[in-house]
Amino acid sequence: MPRREQPRIRCAGGIVHDAEGRLLLVRRGNPPGEGLWSLPGGRVEPGETDVAAVTREIAEETGLSVTVGRVAGTVLRPAAEGVYEIHDHLCQVESGTLRAGDDATDVRWATAAILATLDRESMLTEGLVAALRSWNCLPRS
């Protein structure tokens, strides 16, 4: 019997570094990854572009307005109803005040040391550090 491919759920995320080289992280308030730290992002809504989705998600989750750049990389993650296909874009902060909002319970700028601690304590979404490392997007401070 042929194996049926699982449906792909298109998602988009933002990789944002501040002037000090720290990485923007959000603590997820809802599944998947509830309670874990990750990049801001979410599902691309019907009729929405990846750029529009990243812009919207970052504003909703962090209070920041960004300019969205090129795709740094793509990851696949299991979902209850298929597979999340997440396209992570490099972004630059334009304005706003950092605050947790929408489905984020917390938000922070993470140094390399903070990211390493969160990784050791299993407080990051699965595969985040490996993906960031392979895309050369780890915190620079």
C-alpha atoms as a PDB file:
ATOM      1  CA  MET A   1       0.000   0.000   0.000  1.00  0.00           C
ATOM      2  CA  PRO A   2       1.519   3.378  -0.973  1.00  0.00           C
ATOM      3  CA  ARG A   3       2.373   5.705   1.872  1.00  0.00           C
ATOM      4  CA  ARG A   4       0.403   8.946   1.838  1.00  0.00           C
ATOM      5  CA  GLU A   5       2.431  12.116   2.349  1.00  0.00           C
ATOM      6  CA  GLN A   6       1.347  14.175   5.338  1.00  0.00           C
ATOM      7  CA  PRO A   7      -0.102  17.608   4.597  1.00  0.00           C
ATOM      8  CA  ARG A   8       2.333  20.504   4.939  1.00  0.00           C
ATOM      9  CA  ILE A   9       1.308  23.454   7.098  1.00  0.00           C
ATOM     10  CA  ARG A  10       3.193  26.540   5.944  1.00  0.00           C
ATOM     11  CA  CYS A  11       4.667  28.625   8.745  1.00  0.00           C
ATOM     12  CA  ALA A  12       7.081  31.546   8.876  1.00  0.00           C
ATOM     13  CA  GLY A  13       9.388  32.769  11.607  1.00  0.00           C
ATOM     14  CA  GLY A  14      11.775  35.622  12.240  1.00  0.00           C
ATOM     15  CA  ILE A  15      15.432  35.562  13.211  1.00  0.00           C
ATOM     16  CA  VAL A  16      16.089  38.931  14.821  1.00  0.00           C
ATOM     17  CA  HIS A  17      19.368  40.140  16.344  1.00  0.00           C
ATOM     18  CA  ASP A  18      19.718  43.432  18.194  1.00  0.00           C
ATOM     19  CA  ALA A  19      22.643  45.861  17.868  1.00  0.00           C
ATOM     20  CA  GLU A  20      24.541  43.868  20.526  1.00  0.00           C
ATOM     21  CA  GLY A  21      24.136  40.608  18.577  1.00  0.00           C
ATOM     22  CA  ARG A  22      21.583  39.074  20.944  1.00  0.00           C
ATOM     23  CA  LEU A  23      18.826  36.841  19.523  1.00  0.00           C
ATOM     24  CA  LEU A  24      15.113  37.536  19.989  1.00  0.00           C
ATOM     25  CA  LEU A  25      13.276  34.631  21.640  1.00  0.00           C
ATOM     26  CA  VAL A  26       9.665  34.141  22.713  1.00  0.00           C
ATOM     27  CA  ARG A  27       8.321  31.689  25.271  1.00  0.00           C
ATOM     28  CA  ARG A  28       5.411  29.823  23.714  1.00  0.00           C
ATOM     29  CA  GLY A  29       2.090  30.102  25.517  1.00  0.00           C
ATOM     30  CA  ASN A  30       0.281  27.469  23.443  1.00  0.00           C
ATOM     31  CA  PRO A  31       1.018  24.131  21.773  1.00  0.00           C
ATOM     32  CA  PRO A  32       3.124  23.194  19.984  1.00  0.00           C
ATOM     33  CA  GLY A  33       6.069  23.936  22.233  1.00  0.00           C
ATOM     34  CA  GLU A  34       4.056  25.431  25.076  1.00  0.00           C
ATOM     35  CA  GLY A  35       6.438  26.727  27.759  1.00  0.00           C
ATOM     36  CA  LEU A  36       9.512  26.448  25.518  1.00  0.00           C
ATOM     37  CA  TRP A  37      11.593  29.275  24.061  1.00  0.00           C
ATOM     38  CA  SER A  38      11.668  29.652  20.277  1.00  0.00           C
ATOM     39  CA  LEU A  39      11.806  32.155  17.456  1.00  0.00           C
ATOM     40  CA  PRO A  40       8.741  34.336  16.975  1.00  0.00           C
ATOM     41  CA  GLY A  41       6.492  33.108  14.196  1.00  0.00           C
ATOM     42  CA  GLY A  42       3.478  31.039  13.265  1.00  0.00           C
ATOM     43  CA  ARG A  43       1.172  29.866  10.517  1.00  0.00           C
ATOM     44  CA  VAL A  44       0.901  31.659   7.224  1.00  0.00           C
ATOM     45  CA  GLU A  45      -2.786  32.519   6.826  1.00  0.00           C
ATOM     46  CA  PRO A  46      -4.619  31.823   3.531  1.00  0.00           C
ATOM     47  CA  GLY A  47      -3.791  34.545   1.005  1.00  0.00           C
ATOM     48  CA  GLU A  48      -0.937  35.857   3.162  1.00  0.00           C
ATOM     49  CA  THR A  49       2.714  35.975   2.061  1.00  0.00           C
ATOM     50  CA  ASP A  50       5.540  34.708   4.256  1.00  0.00           C
ATOM     51  CA  VAL A  51       6.767  38.295   4.666  1.00  0.00           C
ATOM     52  CA  ALA A  52       3.337  39.469   5.828  1.00  0.00           C
ATOM     53  CA  ALA A  53       3.060  36.502   8.214  1.00  0.00           C
ATOM     54  CA  VAL A  54       6.480  37.149   9.780  1.00  0.00           C
ATOM     55  CA  THR A  55       5.727  40.857  10.147  1.00  0.00           C
ATOM     56  CA  ARG A  56       2.353  40.121  11.769  1.00  0.00           C
ATOM     57  CA  GLU A  57       3.591  37.350  14.062  1.00  0.00           C
ATOM     58  CA  ILE A  58       6.566  39.343  15.362  1.00  0.00           C
ATOM     59  CA  ALA A  59       4.359  42.376  16.036  1.00  0.00           C
ATOM     60  CA  GLU A  60       1.733  40.240  17.819  1.00  0.00           C
ATOM     61  CA  GLU A  61       4.220  38.233  19.897  1.00  0.00           C
ATOM     62  CA  THR A  62       6.852  40.875  20.702  1.00  0.00           C
ATOM     63  CA  GLY A  63       5.479  44.370  20.056  1.00  0.00           C
ATOM     64  CA  LEU A  64       8.263  45.025  17.543  1.00  0.00           C
ATOM     65  CA  SER A  65       7.954  46.202  13.955  1.00  0.00           C
ATOM     66  CA  VAL A  66      10.505  44.601  11.621  1.00  0.00           C
ATOM     67  CA  THR A  67      11.752  44.636   8.086  1.00  0.00           C
ATOM     68  CA  VAL A  68      11.767  41.079   6.760  1.00  0.00           C
ATOM     69  CA  GLY A  69      14.729  39.904   4.721  1.00  0.00           C
ATOM     70  CA  ARG A  70      15.806  36.714   3.019  1.00  0.00           C
ATOM     71  CA  VAL A  71      15.028  33.178   4.171  1.00  0.00           C
ATOM     72  CA  ALA A  72      17.846  31.899   6.394  1.00  0.00           C
ATOM     73  CA  GLY A  73      16.562  28.334   6.305  1.00  0.00           C
ATOM     74  CA  THR A  74      13.622  25.962   6.468  1.00  0.00           C
ATOM     75  CA  VAL A  75      12.798  23.233   8.980  1.00  0.00           C
ATOM     76  CA  LEU A  76      10.117  20.557   9.151  1.00  0.00           C
ATOM     77  CA  ARG A  77       8.476  19.756  12.487  1.00  0.00           C
ATOM     78  CA  PRO A  78       5.776  17.188  13.278  1.00  0.00           C
ATOM     79  CA  ALA A  79       2.237  18.465  13.738  1.00  0.00           C
ATOM     80  CA  ALA A  80      -0.903  16.693  14.908  1.00  0.00           C
ATOM     81  CA  GLU A  81      -2.510  17.246  11.507  1.00  0.00           C
ATOM     82  CA  GLY A  82       0.578  16.970   9.272  1.00  0.00           C
ATOM     83  CA  VAL A  83       3.986  18.604   9.147  1.00  0.00           C
ATOM     84  CA  TYR A  84       4.897  22.210   9.935  1.00  0.00           C
ATOM     85  CA  GLU A  85       7.081  23.601   7.139  1.00  0.00           C
ATOM     86  CA  ILE A  86       8.736  26.609   8.790  1.00  0.00           C
ATOM     87  CA  HIS A  87      10.560  29.216   6.698  1.00  0.00           C
ATOM     88  CA  ASP A  88      12.713  31.379   8.985  1.00  0.00           C
ATOM     89  CA  HIS A  89      13.581  34.843   7.694  1.00  0.00           C
ATOM     90  CA  LEU A  90      16.309  37.257   8.760  1.00  0.00           C
ATOM     91  CA  CYS A  91      14.698  40.406  10.173  1.00  0.00           C
ATOM     92  CA  GLN A  92      15.755  43.867  11.310  1.00  0.00           C
ATOM     93  CA  VAL A  93      13.933  45.794  14.066  1.00  0.00           C
ATOM     94  CA  GLU A  94      12.513  49.102  12.881  1.00  0.00           C
ATOM     95  CA  SER A  95      10.549  50.238  15.945  1.00  0.00           C
ATOM     96  CA  GLY A  96       8.463  49.185  18.906  1.00  0.00           C
ATOM     97  CA  THR A  97       8.813  48.310  22.571  1.00  0.00           C
ATOM     98  CA  LEU A  98       9.689  44.732  23.469  1.00  0.00           C
ATOM     99  CA  ARG A  99       6.819  43.061  25.336  1.00  0.00           C
ATOM    100  CA  ALA A 100       5.208  39.622  25.371  1.00  0.00           C
ATOM    101  CA  GLY A 101       1.888  39.472  23.581  1.00  0.00           C
ATOM    102  CA  ASP A 102      -0.541  37.175  21.774  1.00  0.00           C
ATOM    103  CA  ASP A 103       0.509  33.556  22.422  1.00  0.00           C
ATOM    104  CA  ALA A 104       3.919  34.436  23.933  1.00  0.00           C
ATOM    105  CA  THR A 105       4.146  34.341  27.736  1.00  0.00           C
ATOM    106  CA  ASP A 106       7.580  35.976  27.787  1.00  0.00           C
ATOM    107  CA  VAL A 107      10.060  37.544  25.407  1.00  0.00           C
ATOM    108  CA  ARG A 108      13.782  38.242  25.711  1.00  0.00           C
ATOM    109  CA  TRP A 109      17.023  39.080  23.984  1.00  0.00           C
ATOM    110  CA  ALA A 110      19.321  36.060  24.428  1.00  0.00           C
ATOM    111  CA  THR A 111      23.108  36.114  24.471  1.00  0.00           C
ATOM    112  CA  ALA A 112      25.092  33.047  23.447  1.00  0.00           C
ATOM    113  CA  ALA A 113      25.430  32.132  27.145  1.00  0.00           C
ATOM    114  CA  ILE A 114      21.676  32.414  27.776  1.00  0.00           C
ATOM    115  CA  LEU A 115      20.905  30.335  24.672  1.00  0.00           C
ATOM    116  CA  ALA A 116      23.385  27.654  25.814  1.00  0.00           C
ATOM    117  CA  THR A 117      21.784  27.570  29.288  1.00  0.00           C
ATOM    118  CA  LEU A 118      18.268  27.269  27.845  1.00  0.00           C
ATOM    119  CA  ASP A 119      19.522  24.473  25.582  1.00  0.00           C
ATOM    120  CA  ARG A 120      21.151  22.556  28.483  1.00  0.00           C
ATOM    121  CA  GLU A 121      17.942  22.885  30.501  1.00  0.00           C
ATOM    122  CA  SER A 122      15.836  21.592  27.545  1.00  0.00           C
ATOM    123  CA  MET A 123      13.906  24.872  27.467  1.00  0.00           C
ATOM    124  CA  LEU A 124      14.223  25.432  23.687  1.00  0.00           C
ATOM    125  CA  THR A 125      12.073  24.025  20.906  1.00  0.00           C
ATOM    126  CA  GLU A 126      13.588  20.902  19.408  1.00  0.00           C
ATOM    127  CA  GLY A 127      16.374  21.483  16.906  1.00  0.00           C
ATOM    128  CA  LEU A 128      16.496  25.272  17.329  1.00  0.00           C
ATOM    129  CA  VAL A 129      20.198  25.571  18.185  1.00  0.00           C
ATOM    130  CA  ALA A 130      21.242  23.112  15.461  1.00  0.00           C
ATOM    131  CA  ALA A 131      19.233  25.016  12.833  1.00  0.00           C
ATOM    132  CA  LEU A 132      20.572  28.405  13.941  1.00  0.00           C
ATOM    133  CA  ARG A 133      24.122  27.042  13.948  1.00  0.00           C
ATOM    134  CA  SER A 134      23.766  25.572  10.434  1.00  0.00           C
ATOM    135  CA  TRP A 135      22.410  28.925   9.159  1.00  0.00           C
ATOM    136  CA  ASN A 136      25.152  30.914  10.975  1.00  0.00           C
ATOM    137  CA  CYS A 137      22.476  32.758  13.003  1.00  0.00           C
ATOM    138  CA  LEU A 138      23.484  32.091  16.620  1.00  0.00           C
ATOM    139  CA  PRO A 139      23.731  35.093  18.969  1.00  0.00           C
ATOM    140  CA  ARG A 140      26.925  37.024  18.316  1.00  0.00           C
ATOM    141  CA  SER A 141      27.406  38.187  21.904  1.00  0.00           C
END
